[in-house]
Every structure is written in structure tokens, then in C-alpha cells.
Amino acid sequence: MRNDPRVDLLAELAHPLRLRVIDRLGQAGPATVSRLAQELGVPLPLLSNHLRRLRDARLVEVERAGRQAVYSLADPGLEALTAVLDRVAGRVAPRPEPADSDFARARTCYDHLAGRLGVDLYRSLLERGALRDRPDGTVELGPHADEAFAELGVEVAAVEPGRRRFAFECLDATEHAPHLGGALGAAVARAALDAGWVKPAGERVLSVTPGRRPRGARPPAGRRPRRSAPA
């Protein structure tokens, strides 16, 4: 029987670090080896070995920019694949026990809002008709997008995705439910920081400023019943 090429593909993605590399490149675009090592918190030699495997498997590609090697996804379809994996994992993975740490309440995930804060905010935007979630894990603007995002300090028409996706569901590591990723999610995080709604409170941890919460955004304090990840 001939080998199924999907098995080889999934085998390369099965290693946690290689999957994190694919996730990072899909989330925030191309990056140098040193930047990847810093953001992922791994030694350069270890990362280089896994990048070599991903390159040999034709999952990533590398370009030279002076003395720097810049890595990017070799196929945009990988972005869709990871979004679908997030969607499925959010439906079938067991829910974690309620956590009350600062990290679980509010933090950044790459350059967008995560933790209970990010999940609650994303859910609120869906309920208000600002966003519509799609079965493939991508997100599109809803009929009330301009109004809702303006309250968050974001002009939707001015958000330029560049080489990254505009908006998609990102599975939250502590909530096991989606928060908003992509260029739109990054714009929301920047606006929240610029307005003083949230402030850095440690490595990736955020604190929510009392009284500075935009209208329609739920506070991260307390645990609420949540729906399943959208189908």
C-alpha cells in the first residue's frame, strides 16, 4: 500500500515545537531565527534543528536578508489548517479547571488579547454582530463592525493585514475557547494599550485598568458560564 502523504505531514506537525513555529509564522508573519527563538523561548540550536525538518518537509521556506535568515510558511494553506485544528480542538478538548491566576485572566498571545479577557471580548463582539465566525476558523466582519470596533478605538477600514490573515479564531491555551487573532486582533490590543484600558503587568500578563473598560466589553474578573466553541 502506498504511503499517505498526509501521514508524513501530520507527523511533522505532531511535535509541539514545530507546531508552535507553524502557528507563530501563521499568526504574525515571517520572522528571523533569532526572533523566533526569543518569542518561543527556546535555544537557537534546538530551534534550528526543527526549522531544518520543517524546511526539508517543505512546510517553511527561508529567504536571506543580509546576514539574516527569514522564515515564512511555504504554503498559505497551513494557516487554514491550523485554524481548523484550533476549531476542532476547542470542541473536543476537555475544559480546564477554572483558573484564577493573572496569566489566565488577561495576557497577550503573540500580539493580540488572550486569557479570559480575550475570550470574553471575542464572544461579546460575536454577540453584538460585529463579527461572524466561519466553520473554517476564519472570522469576517458583521453588520455592526464599524460601531463596535470604534468603541474599542479601532477603525476597521484602516487595518492592513499585510502578509498575515485579517481575522481568525485562535484557541486560547487556558480557556480552551477562541479569542480574536490576526491583524484585527492585533489592532484591538494596540488600541487597548494606547487607551490605558490594559497595562503590561509582567511577561505577557496584562492588568485591566478600573473604570477604563470600553462599553460592551466584559471584564475578565469572575468566571461565567460559556458556550461551546462556535460550530
C-alpha atoms as a PDB file:
ATOM      1  CA  MET A   1       0.000   0.000   0.000  1.00  0.00           C
ATOM      2  CA  ARG A   2       1.323   3.434  -0.934  1.00  0.00           C
ATOM      3  CA  ASN A   3       2.136   5.863   1.836  1.00  0.00           C
ATOM      4  CA  ASP A   4      -0.478   8.506   2.515  1.00  0.00           C
ATOM      5  CA  PRO A   5       1.340  11.883   2.277  1.00  0.00           C
ATOM      6  CA  ARG A   6      -0.983  13.294   4.913  1.00  0.00           C
ATOM      7  CA  VAL A   7       0.569  10.977   7.466  1.00  0.00           C
ATOM      8  CA  ASP A   8       4.014  12.464   6.829  1.00  0.00           C
ATOM      9  CA  LEU A   9       2.606  15.985   7.035  1.00  0.00           C
ATOM     10  CA  LEU A  10       0.863  15.340  10.338  1.00  0.00           C
ATOM     11  CA  ALA A  11       3.958  13.623  11.705  1.00  0.00           C
ATOM     12  CA  GLU A  12       5.962  16.808  11.149  1.00  0.00           C
ATOM     13  CA  LEU A  13       3.285  18.887  12.849  1.00  0.00           C
ATOM     14  CA  ALA A  14       2.946  16.469  15.766  1.00  0.00           C
ATOM     15  CA  HIS A  15       5.994  17.809  17.591  1.00  0.00           C
ATOM     16  CA  PRO A  16       4.978  20.651  19.967  1.00  0.00           C
ATOM     17  CA  LEU A  17       7.817  22.982  18.961  1.00  0.00           C
ATOM     18  CA  ARG A  18       7.343  22.506  15.224  1.00  0.00           C
ATOM     19  CA  LEU A  19       3.616  23.147  15.591  1.00  0.00           C
ATOM     20  CA  ARG A  20       4.384  26.302  17.589  1.00  0.00           C
ATOM     21  CA  VAL A  21       6.685  27.507  14.802  1.00  0.00           C
ATOM     22  CA  ILE A  22       3.950  26.979  12.201  1.00  0.00           C
ATOM     23  CA  ASP A  23       1.448  28.680  14.486  1.00  0.00           C
ATOM     24  CA  ARG A  24       3.756  31.657  15.084  1.00  0.00           C
ATOM     25  CA  LEU A  25       4.540  32.174  11.390  1.00  0.00           C
ATOM     26  CA  GLY A  26       0.854  31.953  10.528  1.00  0.00           C
ATOM     27  CA  GLN A  27      -0.133  34.299  13.337  1.00  0.00           C
ATOM     28  CA  ALA A  28       2.389  37.081  12.969  1.00  0.00           C
ATOM     29  CA  GLY A  29       4.128  36.559   9.638  1.00  0.00           C
ATOM     30  CA  PRO A  30       7.767  35.943   8.660  1.00  0.00           C
ATOM     31  CA  ALA A  31      10.490  36.128  11.288  1.00  0.00           C
ATOM     32  CA  THR A  32      14.212  35.655  11.711  1.00  0.00           C
ATOM     33  CA  VAL A  33      15.598  32.661  13.573  1.00  0.00           C
ATOM     34  CA  SER A  34      16.712  34.806  16.493  1.00  0.00           C
ATOM     35  CA  ARG A  35      13.295  36.419  16.814  1.00  0.00           C
ATOM     36  CA  LEU A  36      11.560  33.041  16.701  1.00  0.00           C
ATOM     37  CA  ALA A  37      13.886  31.695  19.387  1.00  0.00           C
ATOM     38  CA  GLN A  38      13.210  34.705  21.591  1.00  0.00           C
ATOM     39  CA  GLU A  39       9.438  34.631  21.179  1.00  0.00           C
ATOM     40  CA  LEU A  40       9.165  30.861  21.614  1.00  0.00           C
ATOM     41  CA  GLY A  41      11.641  30.778  24.478  1.00  0.00           C
ATOM     42  CA  VAL A  42      13.861  28.013  23.078  1.00  0.00           C
ATOM     43  CA  PRO A  43      17.633  27.764  22.453  1.00  0.00           C
ATOM     44  CA  LEU A  44      18.815  28.587  18.938  1.00  0.00           C
ATOM     45  CA  PRO A  45      20.440  25.155  18.285  1.00  0.00           C
ATOM     46  CA  LEU A  46      17.219  23.338  19.216  1.00  0.00           C
ATOM     47  CA  LEU A  47      15.089  25.632  17.095  1.00  0.00           C
ATOM     48  CA  SER A  48      17.467  25.357  14.138  1.00  0.00           C
ATOM     49  CA  ASN A  49      17.137  21.567  14.131  1.00  0.00           C
ATOM     50  CA  HIS A  50      13.352  21.758  13.969  1.00  0.00           C
ATOM     51  CA  LEU A  51      13.405  24.503  11.342  1.00  0.00           C
ATOM     52  CA  ARG A  52      15.587  22.252   9.221  1.00  0.00           C
ATOM     53  CA  ARG A  53      12.985  19.485   9.468  1.00  0.00           C
ATOM     54  CA  LEU A  54      10.187  21.859   8.538  1.00  0.00           C
ATOM     55  CA  ARG A  55      12.217  23.160   5.607  1.00  0.00           C
ATOM     56  CA  ASP A  56      13.011  19.639   4.404  1.00  0.00           C
ATOM     57  CA  ALA A  57       9.302  18.827   4.615  1.00  0.00           C
ATOM     58  CA  ARG A  58       8.587  21.949   2.508  1.00  0.00           C
ATOM     59  CA  LEU A  59       6.402  23.421   5.242  1.00  0.00           C
ATOM     60  CA  VAL A  60       8.513  26.551   5.681  1.00  0.00           C
ATOM     61  CA  GLU A  61      10.813  28.456   3.377  1.00  0.00           C
ATOM     62  CA  VAL A  62      13.708  30.749   4.098  1.00  0.00           C
ATOM     63  CA  GLU A  63      14.968  33.927   2.428  1.00  0.00           C
ATOM     64  CA  ARG A  64      18.205  35.741   3.104  1.00  0.00           C
ATOM     65  CA  ALA A  65      18.027  39.389   4.137  1.00  0.00           C
ATOM     66  CA  GLY A  66      21.643  40.404   4.501  1.00  0.00           C
ATOM     67  CA  ARG A  67      23.097  38.144   7.159  1.00  0.00           C
ATOM     68  CA  GLN A  68      19.670  37.189   8.491  1.00  0.00           C
ATOM     69  CA  ALA A  69      17.625  34.121   7.567  1.00  0.00           C
ATOM     70  CA  VAL A  70      13.922  34.983   7.456  1.00  0.00           C
ATOM     71  CA  TYR A  71      11.443  32.109   7.724  1.00  0.00           C
ATOM     72  CA  SER A  72       7.875  32.064   6.456  1.00  0.00           C
ATOM     73  CA  LEU A  73       5.197  29.492   5.697  1.00  0.00           C
ATOM     74  CA  ALA A  74       5.757  27.746   2.392  1.00  0.00           C
ATOM     75  CA  ASP A  75       2.040  27.314   1.741  1.00  0.00           C
ATOM     76  CA  PRO A  76      -0.772  29.668   2.884  1.00  0.00           C
ATOM     77  CA  GLY A  77      -2.933  26.554   3.270  1.00  0.00           C
ATOM     78  CA  LEU A  78      -1.121  25.876   6.536  1.00  0.00           C
ATOM     79  CA  GLU A  79      -2.840  28.921   8.021  1.00  0.00           C
ATOM     80  CA  ALA A  80      -6.210  27.398   7.180  1.00  0.00           C
ATOM     81  CA  LEU A  81      -5.107  24.039   8.558  1.00  0.00           C
ATOM     82  CA  THR A  82      -4.099  25.429  11.952  1.00  0.00           C
ATOM     83  CA  ALA A  83      -7.334  27.439  12.162  1.00  0.00           C
ATOM     84  CA  VAL A  84      -9.372  24.274  11.568  1.00  0.00           C
ATOM     85  CA  LEU A  85      -7.285  22.377  14.135  1.00  0.00           C
ATOM     86  CA  ASP A  86      -7.998  25.132  16.661  1.00  0.00           C
ATOM     87  CA  ARG A  87     -11.715  24.936  15.923  1.00  0.00           C
ATOM     88  CA  VAL A  88     -11.840  21.147  16.303  1.00  0.00           C
ATOM     89  CA  ALA A  89      -9.650  21.151  19.411  1.00  0.00           C
ATOM     90  CA  GLY A  90     -11.899  23.752  21.018  1.00  0.00           C
ATOM     91  CA  ARG A  91     -14.873  21.446  20.559  1.00  0.00           C
ATOM     92  CA  VAL A  92     -13.356  18.131  21.610  1.00  0.00           C
ATOM     93  CA  ALA A  93     -10.639  19.020  24.157  1.00  0.00           C
ATOM     94  CA  PRO A  94     -11.676  18.745  27.822  1.00  0.00           C
ATOM     95  CA  ARG A  95     -12.366  22.048  29.511  1.00  0.00           C
ATOM     96  CA  PRO A  96      -9.707  23.049  32.017  1.00  0.00           C
ATOM     97  CA  GLU A  97     -10.475  23.656  35.641  1.00  0.00           C
ATOM     98  CA  PRO A  98     -11.251  27.306  36.447  1.00  0.00           C
ATOM     99  CA  ALA A  99      -8.020  29.222  36.898  1.00  0.00           C
ATOM    100  CA  ASP A 100      -7.661  32.428  38.838  1.00  0.00           C
ATOM    101  CA  SER A 101      -4.093  33.431  38.040  1.00  0.00           C
ATOM    102  CA  ASP A 102      -3.194  36.772  36.487  1.00  0.00           C
ATOM    103  CA  PHE A 103      -1.925  34.859  33.442  1.00  0.00           C
ATOM    104  CA  ALA A 104      -5.301  33.170  32.954  1.00  0.00           C
ATOM    105  CA  ARG A 105      -7.296  36.372  33.457  1.00  0.00           C
ATOM    106  CA  ALA A 106      -5.619  38.645  30.912  1.00  0.00           C
ATOM    107  CA  ARG A 107      -2.490  38.354  28.786  1.00  0.00           C
ATOM    108  CA  THR A 108      -1.203  38.638  25.252  1.00  0.00           C
ATOM    109  CA  CYS A 109      -0.967  35.787  22.760  1.00  0.00           C
ATOM    110  CA  TYR A 110       1.641  36.930  20.244  1.00  0.00           C
ATOM    111  CA  ASP A 111       0.283  40.439  19.661  1.00  0.00           C
ATOM    112  CA  HIS A 112      -3.422  40.027  20.472  1.00  0.00           C
ATOM    113  CA  LEU A 113      -5.506  39.764  23.649  1.00  0.00           C
ATOM    114  CA  ALA A 114      -5.876  36.371  25.310  1.00  0.00           C
ATOM    115  CA  GLY A 115      -6.967  34.738  28.530  1.00  0.00           C
ATOM    116  CA  ARG A 116     -10.441  35.267  29.944  1.00  0.00           C
ATOM    117  CA  LEU A 117     -10.275  38.882  28.804  1.00  0.00           C
ATOM    118  CA  GLY A 118      -9.640  37.978  25.170  1.00  0.00           C
ATOM    119  CA  VAL A 119     -12.200  35.168  25.110  1.00  0.00           C
ATOM    120  CA  ASP A 120     -14.927  37.309  26.697  1.00  0.00           C
ATOM    121  CA  LEU A 121     -14.194  40.207  24.373  1.00  0.00           C
ATOM    122  CA  TYR A 122     -14.352  37.990  21.289  1.00  0.00           C
ATOM    123  CA  ARG A 123     -17.630  36.441  22.461  1.00  0.00           C
ATOM    124  CA  SER A 124     -19.060  39.910  23.059  1.00  0.00           C
ATOM    125  CA  LEU A 125     -18.115  41.015  19.530  1.00  0.00           C
ATOM    126  CA  LEU A 126     -19.868  37.961  18.089  1.00  0.00           C
ATOM    127  CA  GLU A 127     -22.996  38.573  20.144  1.00  0.00           C
ATOM    128  CA  ARG A 128     -23.115  42.221  19.104  1.00  0.00           C
ATOM    129  CA  GLY A 129     -22.927  41.356  15.414  1.00  0.00           C
ATOM    130  CA  ALA A 130     -19.519  42.961  14.997  1.00  0.00           C
ATOM    131  CA  LEU A 131     -18.018  39.651  13.842  1.00  0.00           C
ATOM    132  CA  ARG A 132     -19.209  36.414  12.286  1.00  0.00           C
ATOM    133  CA  ASP A 133     -17.325  33.178  12.826  1.00  0.00           C
ATOM    134  CA  ARG A 134     -16.992  30.687   9.981  1.00  0.00           C
ATOM    135  CA  PRO A 135     -16.668  26.884  10.126  1.00  0.00           C
ATOM    136  CA  ASP A 136     -13.092  27.025   8.838  1.00  0.00           C
ATOM    137  CA  GLY A 137     -11.933  29.082  11.831  1.00  0.00           C
ATOM    138  CA  THR A 138     -11.730  32.378   9.960  1.00  0.00           C
ATOM    139  CA  VAL A 139     -13.709  35.431  11.022  1.00  0.00           C
ATOM    140  CA  GLU A 140     -15.498  38.025   8.919  1.00  0.00           C
ATOM    141  CA  LEU A 141     -16.930  41.412   9.759  1.00  0.00           C
ATOM    142  CA  GLY A 142     -20.566  41.615  10.817  1.00  0.00           C
ATOM    143  CA  PRO A 143     -23.136  44.364  10.192  1.00  0.00           C
ATOM    144  CA  HIS A 144     -22.225  46.257  13.370  1.00  0.00           C
ATOM    145  CA  ALA A 145     -18.442  46.037  13.000  1.00  0.00           C
ATOM    146  CA  ASP A 146     -17.714  49.737  12.481  1.00  0.00           C
ATOM    147  CA  GLU A 147     -19.691  50.816  15.551  1.00  0.00           C
ATOM    148  CA  ALA A 148     -18.407  48.114  17.894  1.00  0.00           C
ATOM    149  CA  PHE A 149     -14.754  48.429  16.933  1.00  0.00           C
ATOM    150  CA  ALA A 150     -14.909  52.225  17.050  1.00  0.00           C
ATOM    151  CA  GLU A 151     -15.826  51.883  20.735  1.00  0.00           C
ATOM    152  CA  LEU A 152     -12.606  49.918  21.144  1.00  0.00           C
ATOM    153  CA  GLY A 153     -10.623  52.635  19.380  1.00  0.00           C
ATOM    154  CA  VAL A 154     -10.174  50.691  16.131  1.00  0.00           C
ATOM    155  CA  GLU A 155     -11.007  51.964  12.650  1.00  0.00           C
ATOM    156  CA  VAL A 156     -11.707  48.731  10.822  1.00  0.00           C
ATOM    157  CA  ALA A 157     -11.102  50.166   7.351  1.00  0.00           C
ATOM    158  CA  ALA A 158      -7.596  51.243   8.389  1.00  0.00           C
ATOM    159  CA  VAL A 159      -6.468  47.764   9.470  1.00  0.00           C
ATOM    160  CA  GLU A 160      -3.957  46.460   6.928  1.00  0.00           C
ATOM    161  CA  PRO A 161      -3.274  42.708   7.219  1.00  0.00           C
ATOM    162  CA  GLY A 162      -0.135  42.736   5.087  1.00  0.00           C
ATOM    163  CA  ARG A 163       1.234  39.180   4.940  1.00  0.00           C
ATOM    164  CA  ARG A 164      -0.941  37.905   7.750  1.00  0.00           C
ATOM    165  CA  ARG A 165      -4.596  36.962   7.999  1.00  0.00           C
ATOM    166  CA  PHE A 166      -7.102  39.713   8.712  1.00  0.00           C
ATOM    167  CA  ALA A 167      -9.029  37.900  11.470  1.00  0.00           C
ATOM    168  CA  PHE A 168      -9.380  34.348  12.724  1.00  0.00           C
ATOM    169  CA  GLU A 169     -10.172  32.312  15.815  1.00  0.00           C
ATOM    170  CA  CYS A 170      -7.154  31.483  17.970  1.00  0.00           C
ATOM    171  CA  LEU A 171      -7.669  28.733  20.537  1.00  0.00           C
ATOM    172  CA  ASP A 172      -6.922  30.084  23.997  1.00  0.00           C
ATOM    173  CA  ALA A 173      -4.480  27.917  25.945  1.00  0.00           C
ATOM    174  CA  THR A 174      -6.108  28.428  29.353  1.00  0.00           C
ATOM    175  CA  GLU A 175      -9.760  28.908  28.379  1.00  0.00           C
ATOM    176  CA  HIS A 176      -9.919  26.285  25.598  1.00  0.00           C
ATOM    177  CA  ALA A 177     -12.226  28.653  23.718  1.00  0.00           C
ATOM    178  CA  PRO A 178     -11.440  31.078  20.894  1.00  0.00           C
ATOM    179  CA  HIS A 179     -10.156  34.610  21.125  1.00  0.00           C
ATOM    180  CA  LEU A 180      -9.587  37.013  18.228  1.00  0.00           C
ATOM    181  CA  GLY A 181      -6.320  36.694  16.323  1.00  0.00           C
ATOM    182  CA  GLY A 182      -4.920  38.192  13.147  1.00  0.00           C
ATOM    183  CA  ALA A 183      -4.320  41.791  12.139  1.00  0.00           C
ATOM    184  CA  LEU A 184      -7.687  42.853  13.558  1.00  0.00           C
ATOM    185  CA  GLY A 185      -6.923  41.227  16.917  1.00  0.00           C
ATOM    186  CA  ALA A 186      -3.546  42.978  16.986  1.00  0.00           C
ATOM    187  CA  ALA A 187      -5.231  46.332  16.279  1.00  0.00           C
ATOM    188  CA  VAL A 188      -7.622  45.803  19.196  1.00  0.00           C
ATOM    189  CA  ALA A 189      -4.720  45.006  21.536  1.00  0.00           C
ATOM    190  CA  ARG A 190      -2.770  48.093  20.441  1.00  0.00           C
ATOM    191  CA  ALA A 191      -5.820  50.305  20.910  1.00  0.00           C
ATOM    192  CA  ALA A 192      -6.463  48.866  24.377  1.00  0.00           C
ATOM    193  CA  LEU A 193      -2.869  49.525  25.436  1.00  0.00           C
ATOM    194  CA  ASP A 194      -2.809  53.021  23.900  1.00  0.00           C
ATOM    195  CA  ALA A 195      -6.057  53.955  25.676  1.00  0.00           C
ATOM    196  CA  GLY A 196      -4.814  52.603  29.005  1.00  0.00           C
ATOM    197  CA  TRP A 197      -7.643  50.064  29.182  1.00  0.00           C
ATOM    198  CA  VAL A 198      -4.995  47.422  29.861  1.00  0.00           C
ATOM    199  CA  LYS A 199      -1.401  47.764  31.040  1.00  0.00           C
ATOM    200  CA  PRO A 200       1.565  45.375  30.990  1.00  0.00           C
ATOM    201  CA  ALA A 201       1.912  43.627  34.358  1.00  0.00           C
ATOM    202  CA  GLY A 202       4.663  41.099  33.669  1.00  0.00           C
ATOM    203  CA  GLU A 203       5.831  38.848  30.875  1.00  0.00           C
ATOM    204  CA  ARG A 204       2.764  38.670  28.612  1.00  0.00           C
ATOM    205  CA  VAL A 205       0.480  39.392  31.596  1.00  0.00           C
ATOM    206  CA  LEU A 206      -1.915  42.357  31.466  1.00  0.00           C
ATOM    207  CA  SER A 207      -3.846  44.192  34.138  1.00  0.00           C
ATOM    208  CA  VAL A 208      -7.216  45.771  33.399  1.00  0.00           C
ATOM    209  CA  THR A 209      -7.480  49.417  34.476  1.00  0.00           C
ATOM    210  CA  PRO A 210     -10.615  50.018  36.614  1.00  0.00           C
ATOM    211  CA  GLY A 211     -13.082  52.375  35.001  1.00  0.00           C
ATOM    212  CA  ARG A 212     -11.346  52.323  31.604  1.00  0.00           C
ATOM    213  CA  ARG A 213     -13.260  49.423  30.093  1.00  0.00           C
ATOM    214  CA  PRO A 214     -14.951  50.251  26.750  1.00  0.00           C
ATOM    215  CA  ARG A 215     -18.725  49.915  26.570  1.00  0.00           C
ATOM    216  CA  GLY A 216     -19.794  46.420  25.544  1.00  0.00           C
ATOM    217  CA  ALA A 217     -16.574  44.713  26.636  1.00  0.00           C
ATOM    218  CA  ARG A 218     -16.932  42.344  29.564  1.00  0.00           C
ATOM    219  CA  PRO A 219     -14.451  42.476  32.418  1.00  0.00           C
ATOM    220  CA  PRO A 220     -12.242  39.410  32.908  1.00  0.00           C
ATOM    221  CA  ALA A 221     -12.917  39.104  36.639  1.00  0.00           C
ATOM    222  CA  GLY A 222     -15.056  36.175  37.705  1.00  0.00           C
ATOM    223  CA  ARG A 223     -15.993  33.008  35.895  1.00  0.00           C
ATOM    224  CA  ARG A 224     -19.010  32.926  33.615  1.00  0.00           C
ATOM    225  CA  PRO A 225     -20.845  30.029  32.010  1.00  0.00           C
ATOM    226  CA  ARG A 226     -19.581  29.773  28.460  1.00  0.00           C
ATOM    227  CA  ARG A 227     -20.985  28.330  25.330  1.00  0.00           C
ATOM    228  CA  SER A 228     -19.117  25.734  23.362  1.00  0.00           C
ATOM    229  CA  ALA A 229     -16.796  26.929  20.648  1.00  0.00           C
ATOM    230  CA  PRO A 230     -18.989  28.043  17.726  1.00  0.00           C
ATOM    231  CA  ALA A 231     -19.840  25.352  15.208  1.00  0.00           C
END
